[in-house]
Amino acid sequence: MIRLTLDVSENILAQFAAQLEGLATPNTFEIHKTIGEGRMKLLQFPNQIEVYHFHFRLAQPVEMQSFNPENSDWLLLNINLSQKAVKKTVNDAVIDIQKFLPSGILLYTPKTKVQSVSPPMEAFEIVLIRMHRSFFDAYLTEKVRALQNAENAVIYEDLAFKMENNLLQVVNPESNALRAHGALMQFMADFIDRLKSREEEHHFEHLHPDDIKGLFMASAHLRNPLVEKVPSIPKLAEIAGMGTTKFKTTFKQVFGKPPIQYHQKIKFEYARQELLARRKTASELSYELGYSHPSKFTEAFKKQFGTLPSSQA
């Protein structure tokens, strides 16, 4: 098994190059063919923001230990663009990171520790966005509590369709520097808007590790798109070991949306992928997901994505 350790406060590509065999330049790294297939590219932008884009398929499992030190001035967004989920242990709580789940983006704040094991011979595509706190000082006129008081925080966000398209434009080798920078700024603006929306109704608060574990246990009951009956909020709160009010507040703080909307996101991302792959029709999905008539499914799908199911085929 290959074992890697990454410090978020340091250059990510340089750390990969120092711990793996391969060919490295200041902005690229290609894994040696004796280990498998893999390459990483570093894109640097103004205001100390870096984008790392890498694909890999390795011949043996890879155990990754990554951490953001307590006194770090850096933040990191970990975005899984793969079709498969990556299971991570984040501050002792287990969660799947996948673009089709509401946990598609993980924000590494100071004190975040993450461990994962990537299985062999499976293809993964990951984007990391590393940014210095001065980036937010340069672009934000108001403070975002989730970023100002981020120690001990674990924050997830879903990779919305628009955000994914902007991110793909950032890493597209055919994009010129200005176009890539514009797409990155739009991606970051959407991400910041999502963090701000968490503060409209509830105060940001630090969570005990046991609270986070409880939230993940509850969220596991919502991650099956085909579950016939979603547990009630009181039942989910009981699973999380919290009172109902605290559960609703902290669930939105960590996952960016209330529990029922979290489950809706998973249902419709599942439907969109089935349509894109042409495995099922809109009519089949409408009944599979519990809608009484395909028109009800079509209406809900358009509300979620702004487009009709027929446009996905």
C-alpha atoms as a PDB file:
ATOM      1  CA  MET A   1       0.000   0.000   0.000  1.00  0.00           C
ATOM      2  CA  ILE A   2       1.198   3.505  -0.858  1.00  0.00           C
ATOM      3  CA  ARG A   3       1.036   5.939   2.086  1.00  0.00           C
ATOM      4  CA  LEU A   4       1.013   9.701   1.602  1.00  0.00           C
ATOM      5  CA  THR A   5       0.904  12.610   4.061  1.00  0.00           C
ATOM      6  CA  LEU A   6      -0.200  16.062   2.935  1.00  0.00           C
ATOM      7  CA  ASP A   7      -0.042  19.382   4.780  1.00  0.00           C
ATOM      8  CA  VAL A   8      -2.686  21.761   3.406  1.00  0.00           C
ATOM      9  CA  SER A   9      -0.580  24.794   4.332  1.00  0.00           C
ATOM     10  CA  GLU A  10       2.152  23.728   1.875  1.00  0.00           C
ATOM     11  CA  ASN A  11       2.321  23.291  -1.910  1.00  0.00           C
ATOM     12  CA  ILE A  12       0.299  20.134  -2.711  1.00  0.00           C
ATOM     13  CA  LEU A  13       2.023  19.188  -5.968  1.00  0.00           C
ATOM     14  CA  ALA A  14       5.488  19.446  -4.416  1.00  0.00           C
ATOM     15  CA  GLN A  15       4.422  17.070  -1.625  1.00  0.00           C
ATOM     16  CA  PHE A  16       3.124  14.487  -4.108  1.00  0.00           C
ATOM     17  CA  ALA A  17       6.352  14.729  -6.087  1.00  0.00           C
ATOM     18  CA  ALA A  18       8.460  14.271  -2.936  1.00  0.00           C
ATOM     19  CA  GLN A  19       6.587  11.133  -1.825  1.00  0.00           C
ATOM     20  CA  LEU A  20       5.861   9.363  -5.133  1.00  0.00           C
ATOM     21  CA  GLU A  21       8.111   8.278  -7.986  1.00  0.00           C
ATOM     22  CA  GLY A  22       7.535  10.232 -11.160  1.00  0.00           C
ATOM     23  CA  LEU A  23       8.427  13.148 -13.367  1.00  0.00           C
ATOM     24  CA  ALA A  24       7.908  16.604 -11.830  1.00  0.00           C
ATOM     25  CA  THR A  25       8.072  20.225 -12.927  1.00  0.00           C
ATOM     26  CA  PRO A  26       6.951  23.221 -10.821  1.00  0.00           C
ATOM     27  CA  ASN A  27       3.443  22.945 -12.313  1.00  0.00           C
ATOM     28  CA  THR A  28       3.029  19.288 -13.331  1.00  0.00           C
ATOM     29  CA  PHE A  29       3.617  15.828 -11.895  1.00  0.00           C
ATOM     30  CA  GLU A  30       3.257  12.484 -13.656  1.00  0.00           C
ATOM     31  CA  ILE A  31       3.376   9.248 -11.678  1.00  0.00           C
ATOM     32  CA  HIS A  32       5.867   6.635 -12.814  1.00  0.00           C
ATOM     33  CA  LYS A  33       4.266   3.815 -14.810  1.00  0.00           C
ATOM     34  CA  THR A  34       5.561   1.214 -12.328  1.00  0.00           C
ATOM     35  CA  ILE A  35       3.103   2.656  -9.766  1.00  0.00           C
ATOM     36  CA  GLY A  36       0.174   3.178 -12.110  1.00  0.00           C
ATOM     37  CA  GLU A  37      -1.290   6.017 -14.136  1.00  0.00           C
ATOM     38  CA  GLY A  38      -1.671   9.496 -12.757  1.00  0.00           C
ATOM     39  CA  ARG A  39      -0.953  13.126 -13.442  1.00  0.00           C
ATOM     40  CA  MET A  40      -1.451  16.402 -11.602  1.00  0.00           C
ATOM     41  CA  LYS A  41      -1.454  19.965 -12.912  1.00  0.00           C
ATOM     42  CA  LEU A  42      -1.117  23.133 -10.848  1.00  0.00           C
ATOM     43  CA  LEU A  43      -2.855  26.310 -12.035  1.00  0.00           C
ATOM     44  CA  GLN A  44      -1.885  29.500 -10.204  1.00  0.00           C
ATOM     45  CA  PHE A  45      -4.125  32.561 -10.025  1.00  0.00           C
ATOM     46  CA  PRO A  46      -3.866  36.044  -8.476  1.00  0.00           C
ATOM     47  CA  ASN A  47      -4.409  36.662  -4.753  1.00  0.00           C
ATOM     48  CA  GLN A  48      -2.686  33.420  -3.706  1.00  0.00           C
ATOM     49  CA  ILE A  49      -5.208  30.937  -5.056  1.00  0.00           C
ATOM     50  CA  GLU A  50      -4.097  27.616  -6.537  1.00  0.00           C
ATOM     51  CA  VAL A  51      -6.048  24.929  -8.394  1.00  0.00           C
ATOM     52  CA  TYR A  52      -4.719  21.348  -8.487  1.00  0.00           C
ATOM     53  CA  HIS A  53      -6.339  19.039 -11.024  1.00  0.00           C
ATOM     54  CA  PHE A  54      -5.404  15.386 -11.099  1.00  0.00           C
ATOM     55  CA  HIS A  55      -6.458  12.043 -12.550  1.00  0.00           C
ATOM     56  CA  PHE A  56      -5.102   8.780 -11.223  1.00  0.00           C
ATOM     57  CA  ARG A  57      -5.498   5.029 -11.481  1.00  0.00           C
ATOM     58  CA  LEU A  58      -2.931   3.281  -9.313  1.00  0.00           C
ATOM     59  CA  ALA A  59      -1.938  -0.380  -9.214  1.00  0.00           C
ATOM     60  CA  GLN A  60      -2.185  -0.622  -5.426  1.00  0.00           C
ATOM     61  CA  PRO A  61      -4.260   1.015  -2.661  1.00  0.00           C
ATOM     62  CA  VAL A  62      -3.292   4.536  -1.594  1.00  0.00           C
ATOM     63  CA  GLU A  63      -3.733   5.655   2.002  1.00  0.00           C
ATOM     64  CA  MET A  64      -3.858   9.433   2.260  1.00  0.00           C
ATOM     65  CA  GLN A  65      -3.417  11.338   5.511  1.00  0.00           C
ATOM     66  CA  SER A  66      -4.043  15.066   5.038  1.00  0.00           C
ATOM     67  CA  PHE A  67      -4.318  17.833   7.610  1.00  0.00           C
ATOM     68  CA  ASN A  68      -4.611  21.582   7.950  1.00  0.00           C
ATOM     69  CA  PRO A  69      -2.550  22.812  10.942  1.00  0.00           C
ATOM     70  CA  GLU A  70      -4.153  24.773  13.756  1.00  0.00           C
ATOM     71  CA  ASN A  71      -2.277  27.989  12.910  1.00  0.00           C
ATOM     72  CA  SER A  72      -2.725  27.659   9.127  1.00  0.00           C
ATOM     73  CA  ASP A  73      -3.614  30.720   7.047  1.00  0.00           C
ATOM     74  CA  TRP A  74      -4.766  28.452   4.210  1.00  0.00           C
ATOM     75  CA  LEU A  75      -8.103  26.846   3.353  1.00  0.00           C
ATOM     76  CA  LEU A  76      -8.657  23.983   0.923  1.00  0.00           C
ATOM     77  CA  LEU A  77     -11.654  22.862  -1.118  1.00  0.00           C
ATOM     78  CA  ASN A  78     -11.582  19.148  -1.988  1.00  0.00           C
ATOM     79  CA  ILE A  79     -13.924  18.378  -4.902  1.00  0.00           C
ATOM     80  CA  ASN A  80     -14.479  14.861  -6.201  1.00  0.00           C
ATOM     81  CA  LEU A  81     -15.361  14.909  -9.919  1.00  0.00           C
ATOM     82  CA  SER A  82     -15.258  11.102 -10.186  1.00  0.00           C
ATOM     83  CA  GLN A  83     -18.220   8.880 -10.878  1.00  0.00           C
ATOM     84  CA  LYS A  84     -17.334   6.915  -7.733  1.00  0.00           C
ATOM     85  CA  ALA A  85     -17.519   8.090  -4.144  1.00  0.00           C
ATOM     86  CA  VAL A  86     -14.375   8.486  -2.072  1.00  0.00           C
ATOM     87  CA  LYS A  87     -14.867   7.396   1.527  1.00  0.00           C
ATOM     88  CA  LYS A  88     -13.055   9.694   3.953  1.00  0.00           C
ATOM     89  CA  THR A  89     -12.668   9.833   7.709  1.00  0.00           C
ATOM     90  CA  VAL A  90     -12.910  13.526   8.573  1.00  0.00           C
ATOM     91  CA  ASN A  91     -12.025  14.344  12.176  1.00  0.00           C
ATOM     92  CA  ASP A  92     -13.001  10.736  13.132  1.00  0.00           C
ATOM     93  CA  ALA A  93     -16.349  10.789  11.273  1.00  0.00           C
ATOM     94  CA  VAL A  94     -16.842   8.738   8.077  1.00  0.00           C
ATOM     95  CA  ILE A  95     -18.444  10.349   5.011  1.00  0.00           C
ATOM     96  CA  ASP A  96     -18.617   9.727   1.256  1.00  0.00           C
ATOM     97  CA  ILE A  97     -17.331  12.548  -0.982  1.00  0.00           C
ATOM     98  CA  GLN A  98     -18.920  12.463  -4.429  1.00  0.00           C
ATOM     99  CA  LYS A  99     -20.106  15.141  -6.822  1.00  0.00           C
ATOM    100  CA  PHE A 100     -23.602  13.658  -6.992  1.00  0.00           C
ATOM    101  CA  LEU A 101     -24.026  13.837  -3.206  1.00  0.00           C
ATOM    102  CA  PRO A 102     -24.581  16.939  -1.068  1.00  0.00           C
ATOM    103  CA  SER A 103     -21.099  16.249   0.270  1.00  0.00           C
ATOM    104  CA  GLY A 104     -19.365  16.766  -3.072  1.00  0.00           C
ATOM    105  CA  ILE A 105     -17.204  19.596  -1.712  1.00  0.00           C
ATOM    106  CA  LEU A 106     -15.260  19.408   1.549  1.00  0.00           C
ATOM    107  CA  LEU A 107     -13.793  22.597   3.024  1.00  0.00           C
ATOM    108  CA  TYR A 108     -10.598  21.989   4.983  1.00  0.00           C
ATOM    109  CA  THR A 109     -10.492  24.586   7.752  1.00  0.00           C
ATOM    110  CA  PRO A 110      -7.707  24.770  10.371  1.00  0.00           C
ATOM    111  CA  LYS A 111      -7.499  21.630  12.554  1.00  0.00           C
ATOM    112  CA  THR A 112      -9.158  19.475   9.880  1.00  0.00           C
ATOM    113  CA  LYS A 113      -7.695  15.965   9.639  1.00  0.00           C
ATOM    114  CA  VAL A 114      -8.725  13.614   6.838  1.00  0.00           C
ATOM    115  CA  GLN A 115      -7.848   9.986   6.133  1.00  0.00           C
ATOM    116  CA  SER A 116      -8.866   7.996   3.048  1.00  0.00           C
ATOM    117  CA  VAL A 117      -7.901   4.841   1.166  1.00  0.00           C
ATOM    118  CA  SER A 118      -8.296   4.803  -2.631  1.00  0.00           C
ATOM    119  CA  PRO A 119      -8.846   1.293  -4.027  1.00  0.00           C
ATOM    120  CA  PRO A 120      -6.499   0.012  -6.753  1.00  0.00           C
ATOM    121  CA  MET A 121      -7.214   0.142 -10.490  1.00  0.00           C
ATOM    122  CA  GLU A 122     -10.078   2.613 -10.207  1.00  0.00           C
ATOM    123  CA  ALA A 123     -10.053   5.936 -12.019  1.00  0.00           C
ATOM    124  CA  PHE A 124     -10.482   9.098  -9.966  1.00  0.00           C
ATOM    125  CA  GLU A 125     -10.604  12.783 -10.879  1.00  0.00           C
ATOM    126  CA  ILE A 126     -10.073  15.303  -8.089  1.00  0.00           C
ATOM    127  CA  VAL A 127      -9.806  19.095  -7.987  1.00  0.00           C
ATOM    128  CA  LEU A 128      -8.260  20.898  -5.020  1.00  0.00           C
ATOM    129  CA  ILE A 129      -8.568  24.660  -4.600  1.00  0.00           C
ATOM    130  CA  ARG A 130      -6.053  26.045  -2.108  1.00  0.00           C
ATOM    131  CA  MET A 131      -6.539  29.651  -1.052  1.00  0.00           C
ATOM    132  CA  HIS A 132      -4.897  31.993   1.418  1.00  0.00           C
ATOM    133  CA  ARG A 133      -7.118  33.915   3.815  1.00  0.00           C
ATOM    134  CA  SER A 134      -5.956  37.120   2.119  1.00  0.00           C
ATOM    135  CA  PHE A 135      -8.018  36.043  -0.911  1.00  0.00           C
ATOM    136  CA  PHE A 136     -11.204  36.609   1.086  1.00  0.00           C
ATOM    137  CA  ASP A 137      -9.900  39.898   2.487  1.00  0.00           C
ATOM    138  CA  ALA A 138      -9.344  41.098  -1.080  1.00  0.00           C
ATOM    139  CA  TYR A 139     -12.797  40.191  -2.409  1.00  0.00           C
ATOM    140  CA  LEU A 140     -15.202  40.297   0.550  1.00  0.00           C
ATOM    141  CA  THR A 141     -16.407  43.504   2.165  1.00  0.00           C
ATOM    142  CA  GLU A 142     -18.174  41.572   4.917  1.00  0.00           C
ATOM    143  CA  LYS A 143     -16.990  38.690   7.040  1.00  0.00           C
ATOM    144  CA  VAL A 144     -18.300  35.149   6.638  1.00  0.00           C
ATOM    145  CA  ARG A 145     -18.535  33.588  10.087  1.00  0.00           C
ATOM    146  CA  ALA A 146     -17.939  30.084   8.750  1.00  0.00           C
ATOM    147  CA  LEU A 147     -14.530  31.282   7.506  1.00  0.00           C
ATOM    148  CA  GLN A 148     -13.658  33.618  10.372  1.00  0.00           C
ATOM    149  CA  ASN A 149     -14.444  31.054  13.089  1.00  0.00           C
ATOM    150  CA  ALA A 150     -13.556  27.928  11.192  1.00  0.00           C
ATOM    151  CA  GLU A 151     -11.389  26.059  13.688  1.00  0.00           C
ATOM    152  CA  ASN A 152     -12.898  22.664  14.540  1.00  0.00           C
ATOM    153  CA  ALA A 153     -15.515  23.163  11.815  1.00  0.00           C
ATOM    154  CA  VAL A 154     -16.425  20.588   9.193  1.00  0.00           C
ATOM    155  CA  ILE A 155     -18.242  22.106   6.225  1.00  0.00           C
ATOM    156  CA  TYR A 156     -19.655  20.277   3.177  1.00  0.00           C
ATOM    157  CA  GLU A 157     -21.422  21.650   0.139  1.00  0.00           C
ATOM    158  CA  ASP A 158     -22.975  20.059  -2.918  1.00  0.00           C
ATOM    159  CA  LEU A 159     -21.444  20.593  -6.341  1.00  0.00           C
ATOM    160  CA  ALA A 160     -24.340  22.256  -8.122  1.00  0.00           C
ATOM    161  CA  PHE A 161     -24.659  21.828 -11.887  1.00  0.00           C
ATOM    162  CA  LYS A 162     -23.647  25.445 -12.593  1.00  0.00           C
ATOM    163  CA  MET A 163     -20.691  25.237 -10.219  1.00  0.00           C
ATOM    164  CA  GLU A 164     -19.473  22.024 -11.839  1.00  0.00           C
ATOM    165  CA  ASN A 165     -19.583  23.605 -15.293  1.00  0.00           C
ATOM    166  CA  ASN A 166     -17.553  26.591 -14.097  1.00  0.00           C
ATOM    167  CA  LEU A 167     -15.022  24.288 -12.443  1.00  0.00           C
ATOM    168  CA  LEU A 168     -14.620  22.237 -15.619  1.00  0.00           C
ATOM    169  CA  GLN A 169     -13.946  25.444 -17.513  1.00  0.00           C
ATOM    170  CA  VAL A 170     -11.225  26.344 -14.990  1.00  0.00           C
ATOM    171  CA  VAL A 171      -9.344  23.079 -15.561  1.00  0.00           C
ATOM    172  CA  ASN A 172     -10.065  22.819 -19.301  1.00  0.00           C
ATOM    173  CA  PRO A 173      -6.649  22.964 -21.032  1.00  0.00           C
ATOM    174  CA  GLU A 174      -8.246  24.861 -23.923  1.00  0.00           C
ATOM    175  CA  SER A 175      -9.386  27.727 -21.677  1.00  0.00           C
ATOM    176  CA  ASN A 176      -7.165  30.795 -21.834  1.00  0.00           C
ATOM    177  CA  ALA A 177      -5.957  32.321 -18.559  1.00  0.00           C
ATOM    178  CA  LEU A 178      -8.584  35.086 -18.487  1.00  0.00           C
ATOM    179  CA  ARG A 179     -11.471  32.729 -19.176  1.00  0.00           C
ATOM    180  CA  ALA A 180     -10.237  30.237 -16.568  1.00  0.00           C
ATOM    181  CA  HIS A 181      -9.812  33.006 -13.995  1.00  0.00           C
ATOM    182  CA  GLY A 182     -13.316  34.331 -14.676  1.00  0.00           C
ATOM    183  CA  ALA A 183     -14.826  30.854 -14.269  1.00  0.00           C
ATOM    184  CA  LEU A 184     -12.900  30.345 -11.023  1.00  0.00           C
ATOM    185  CA  MET A 185     -14.145  33.653  -9.601  1.00  0.00           C
ATOM    186  CA  GLN A 186     -17.718  32.670 -10.473  1.00  0.00           C
ATOM    187  CA  PHE A 187     -17.237  29.287  -8.788  1.00  0.00           C
ATOM    188  CA  MET A 188     -15.862  30.933  -5.639  1.00  0.00           C
ATOM    189  CA  ALA A 189     -18.641  33.555  -5.619  1.00  0.00           C
ATOM    190  CA  ASP A 190     -21.276  30.800  -5.729  1.00  0.00           C
ATOM    191  CA  PHE A 191     -19.501  28.902  -2.957  1.00  0.00           C
ATOM    192  CA  ILE A 192     -19.332  32.005  -0.740  1.00  0.00           C
ATOM    193  CA  ASP A 193     -23.015  32.717  -1.388  1.00  0.00           C
ATOM    194  CA  ARG A 194     -23.798  29.214  -0.154  1.00  0.00           C
ATOM    195  CA  LEU A 195     -21.766  29.745   3.021  1.00  0.00           C
ATOM    196  CA  LYS A 196     -23.552  33.039   3.641  1.00  0.00           C
ATOM    197  CA  SER A 197     -26.950  31.396   3.202  1.00  0.00           C
ATOM    198  CA  ARG A 198     -26.134  29.167   6.167  1.00  0.00           C
ATOM    199  CA  GLU A 199     -25.898  32.268   8.359  1.00  0.00           C
ATOM    200  CA  GLU A 200     -29.221  33.849   7.435  1.00  0.00           C
ATOM    201  CA  GLU A 201     -31.281  31.840   9.895  1.00  0.00           C
ATOM    202  CA  HIS A 202     -28.812  30.309  12.319  1.00  0.00           C
ATOM    203  CA  HIS A 203     -25.675  31.349  14.130  1.00  0.00           C
ATOM    204  CA  PHE A 204     -22.518  29.492  13.204  1.00  0.00           C
ATOM    205  CA  GLU A 205     -21.330  27.367  16.122  1.00  0.00           C
ATOM    206  CA  HIS A 206     -18.496  24.993  16.818  1.00  0.00           C
ATOM    207  CA  LEU A 207     -19.475  21.341  16.979  1.00  0.00           C
ATOM    208  CA  HIS A 208     -18.163  18.651  19.265  1.00  0.00           C
ATOM    209  CA  PRO A 209     -16.703  15.663  17.360  1.00  0.00           C
ATOM    210  CA  ASP A 210     -19.492  13.481  18.793  1.00  0.00           C
ATOM    211  CA  ASP A 211     -22.074  15.866  17.315  1.00  0.00           C
ATOM    212  CA  ILE A 212     -20.456  15.565  13.889  1.00  0.00           C
ATOM    213  CA  LYS A 213     -20.423  11.771  14.117  1.00  0.00           C
ATOM    214  CA  GLY A 214     -24.100  11.866  15.015  1.00  0.00           C
ATOM    215  CA  LEU A 215     -24.915  14.074  12.037  1.00  0.00           C
ATOM    216  CA  PHE A 216     -23.144  11.672   9.685  1.00  0.00           C
ATOM    217  CA  MET A 217     -25.032   8.729  11.174  1.00  0.00           C
ATOM    218  CA  ALA A 218     -28.300  10.557  10.546  1.00  0.00           C
ATOM    219  CA  SER A 219     -27.301  11.622   7.022  1.00  0.00           C
ATOM    220  CA  ALA A 220     -26.603   7.985   6.134  1.00  0.00           C
ATOM    221  CA  HIS A 221     -30.366   7.383   6.385  1.00  0.00           C
ATOM    222  CA  LEU A 222     -30.902  10.058   3.716  1.00  0.00           C
ATOM    223  CA  ARG A 223     -28.276   9.061   1.156  1.00  0.00           C
ATOM    224  CA  ASN A 224     -30.272   6.294  -0.528  1.00  0.00           C
ATOM    225  CA  PRO A 225     -32.260   7.916  -3.379  1.00  0.00           C
ATOM    226  CA  LEU A 226     -34.703   5.002  -3.467  1.00  0.00           C
ATOM    227  CA  VAL A 227     -35.589   4.836   0.226  1.00  0.00           C
ATOM    228  CA  GLU A 228     -39.371   4.511   0.441  1.00  0.00           C
ATOM    229  CA  LYS A 229     -39.855   6.473   3.643  1.00  0.00           C
ATOM    230  CA  VAL A 230     -37.451   9.106   4.942  1.00  0.00           C
ATOM    231  CA  PRO A 231     -37.206   9.105   8.749  1.00  0.00           C
ATOM    232  CA  SER A 232     -38.922  12.025  10.441  1.00  0.00           C
ATOM    233  CA  ILE A 233     -36.883  14.957  11.751  1.00  0.00           C
ATOM    234  CA  PRO A 234     -37.401  13.859  15.384  1.00  0.00           C
ATOM    235  CA  LYS A 235     -36.237  10.335  14.458  1.00  0.00           C
ATOM    236  CA  LEU A 236     -33.157  11.678  12.652  1.00  0.00           C
ATOM    237  CA  ALA A 237     -32.411  13.910  15.641  1.00  0.00           C
ATOM    238  CA  GLU A 238     -32.668  10.849  17.890  1.00  0.00           C
ATOM    239  CA  ILE A 239     -30.207   8.962  15.645  1.00  0.00           C
ATOM    240  CA  ALA A 240     -27.839  11.933  15.859  1.00  0.00           C
ATOM    241  CA  GLY A 241     -28.178  12.082  19.629  1.00  0.00           C
ATOM    242  CA  MET A 242     -29.489  15.667  19.595  1.00  0.00           C
ATOM    243  CA  GLY A 243     -32.604  17.640  20.291  1.00  0.00           C
ATOM    244  CA  THR A 244     -34.721  18.460  17.250  1.00  0.00           C
ATOM    245  CA  THR A 245     -33.864  22.173  17.168  1.00  0.00           C
ATOM    246  CA  LYS A 246     -30.126  21.632  17.483  1.00  0.00           C
ATOM    247  CA  PHE A 247     -30.240  18.868  14.872  1.00  0.00           C
ATOM    248  CA  LYS A 248     -31.942  21.068  12.266  1.00  0.00           C
ATOM    249  CA  THR A 249     -29.549  23.949  12.958  1.00  0.00           C
ATOM    250  CA  THR A 250     -26.316  21.953  12.895  1.00  0.00           C
ATOM    251  CA  PHE A 251     -27.334  19.748   9.954  1.00  0.00           C
ATOM    252  CA  LYS A 252     -27.716  22.825   7.766  1.00  0.00           C
ATOM    253  CA  GLN A 253     -24.475  24.254   9.149  1.00  0.00           C
ATOM    254  CA  VAL A 254     -22.491  21.175   8.114  1.00  0.00           C
ATOM    255  CA  PHE A 255     -24.284  20.083   4.918  1.00  0.00           C
ATOM    256  CA  GLY A 256     -25.604  23.425   3.669  1.00  0.00           C
ATOM    257  CA  LYS A 257     -29.270  22.470   3.474  1.00  0.00           C
ATOM    258  CA  PRO A 258     -32.029  21.026   5.684  1.00  0.00           C
ATOM    259  CA  PRO A 259     -32.351  17.211   5.874  1.00  0.00           C
ATOM    260  CA  ILE A 260     -35.322  16.891   3.507  1.00  0.00           C
ATOM    261  CA  GLN A 261     -33.689  19.112   0.863  1.00  0.00           C
ATOM    262  CA  TYR A 262     -30.509  17.066   1.313  1.00  0.00           C
ATOM    263  CA  HIS A 263     -32.450  13.909   0.443  1.00  0.00           C
ATOM    264  CA  GLN A 264     -34.193  15.646  -2.488  1.00  0.00           C
ATOM    265  CA  LYS A 265     -30.798  16.622  -3.907  1.00  0.00           C
ATOM    266  CA  ILE A 266     -29.673  12.987  -3.824  1.00  0.00           C
ATOM    267  CA  LYS A 267     -32.895  11.749  -5.458  1.00  0.00           C
ATOM    268  CA  PHE A 268     -32.717  14.137  -8.373  1.00  0.00           C
ATOM    269  CA  GLU A 269     -28.992  13.771  -8.979  1.00  0.00           C
ATOM    270  CA  TYR A 270     -29.619  10.025  -9.158  1.00  0.00           C
ATOM    271  CA  ALA A 271     -32.441  10.642 -11.650  1.00  0.00           C
ATOM    272  CA  ARG A 272     -30.303  12.985 -13.754  1.00  0.00           C
ATOM    273  CA  GLN A 273     -27.494  10.441 -13.998  1.00  0.00           C
ATOM    274  CA  GLU A 274     -29.911   7.660 -14.971  1.00  0.00           C
ATOM    275  CA  LEU A 275     -31.317   9.898 -17.708  1.00  0.00           C
ATOM    276  CA  LEU A 276     -27.894  10.976 -18.965  1.00  0.00           C
ATOM    277  CA  ALA A 277     -26.777   7.335 -19.156  1.00  0.00           C
ATOM    278  CA  ARG A 278     -30.102   6.410 -20.823  1.00  0.00           C
ATOM    279  CA  ARG A 279     -30.618   3.605 -18.356  1.00  0.00           C
ATOM    280  CA  LYS A 280     -34.162   4.718 -17.475  1.00  0.00           C
ATOM    281  CA  THR A 281     -36.882   6.962 -18.829  1.00  0.00           C
ATOM    282  CA  ALA A 282     -38.513   9.854 -17.011  1.00  0.00           C
ATOM    283  CA  SER A 283     -41.686   7.778 -16.611  1.00  0.00           C
ATOM    284  CA  GLU A 284     -39.782   4.885 -15.041  1.00  0.00           C
ATOM    285  CA  LEU A 285     -37.961   7.235 -12.682  1.00  0.00           C
ATOM    286  CA  SER A 286     -41.134   9.047 -11.679  1.00  0.00           C
ATOM    287  CA  TYR A 287     -42.660   5.847 -10.300  1.00  0.00           C
ATOM    288  CA  GLU A 288     -39.370   4.580  -8.896  1.00  0.00           C
ATOM    289  CA  LEU A 289     -38.993   7.789  -6.892  1.00  0.00           C
ATOM    290  CA  GLY A 290     -42.560   7.691  -5.613  1.00  0.00           C
ATOM    291  CA  TYR A 291     -44.357  10.240  -7.826  1.00  0.00           C
ATOM    292  CA  SER A 292     -47.996   9.532  -8.597  1.00  0.00           C
ATOM    293  CA  HIS A 293     -47.658  10.735 -12.200  1.00  0.00           C
ATOM    294  CA  PRO A 294     -44.736  11.497 -14.555  1.00  0.00           C
ATOM    295  CA  SER A 295     -45.920  15.126 -14.828  1.00  0.00           C
ATOM    296  CA  LYS A 296     -45.292  15.585 -11.093  1.00  0.00           C
ATOM    297  CA  PHE A 297     -41.760  14.253 -11.505  1.00  0.00           C
ATOM    298  CA  THR A 298     -41.164  16.500 -14.533  1.00  0.00           C
ATOM    299  CA  GLU A 299     -42.337  19.550 -12.580  1.00  0.00           C
ATOM    300  CA  ALA A 300     -40.090  18.743  -9.615  1.00  0.00           C
ATOM    301  CA  PHE A 301     -37.113  17.967 -11.882  1.00  0.00           C
ATOM    302  CA  LYS A 302     -37.443  21.322 -13.667  1.00  0.00           C
ATOM    303  CA  LYS A 303     -37.637  23.121 -10.333  1.00  0.00           C
ATOM    304  CA  GLN A 304     -34.412  21.395  -9.235  1.00  0.00           C
ATOM    305  CA  PHE A 305     -32.344  21.864 -12.419  1.00  0.00           C
ATOM    306  CA  GLY A 306     -34.167  24.529 -14.434  1.00  0.00           C
ATOM    307  CA  THR A 307     -34.575  22.124 -17.352  1.00  0.00           C
ATOM    308  CA  LEU A 308     -36.861  19.267 -18.393  1.00  0.00           C
ATOM    309  CA  PRO A 309     -35.920  15.583 -17.990  1.00  0.00           C
ATOM    310  CA  SER A 310     -36.173  15.165 -21.779  1.00  0.00           C
ATOM    311  CA  SER A 311     -33.221  17.546 -22.229  1.00  0.00           C
ATOM    312  CA  GLN A 312     -30.945  15.066 -20.414  1.00  0.00           C
ATOM    313  CA  ALA A 313     -31.327  12.266 -22.960  1.00  0.00           C
END
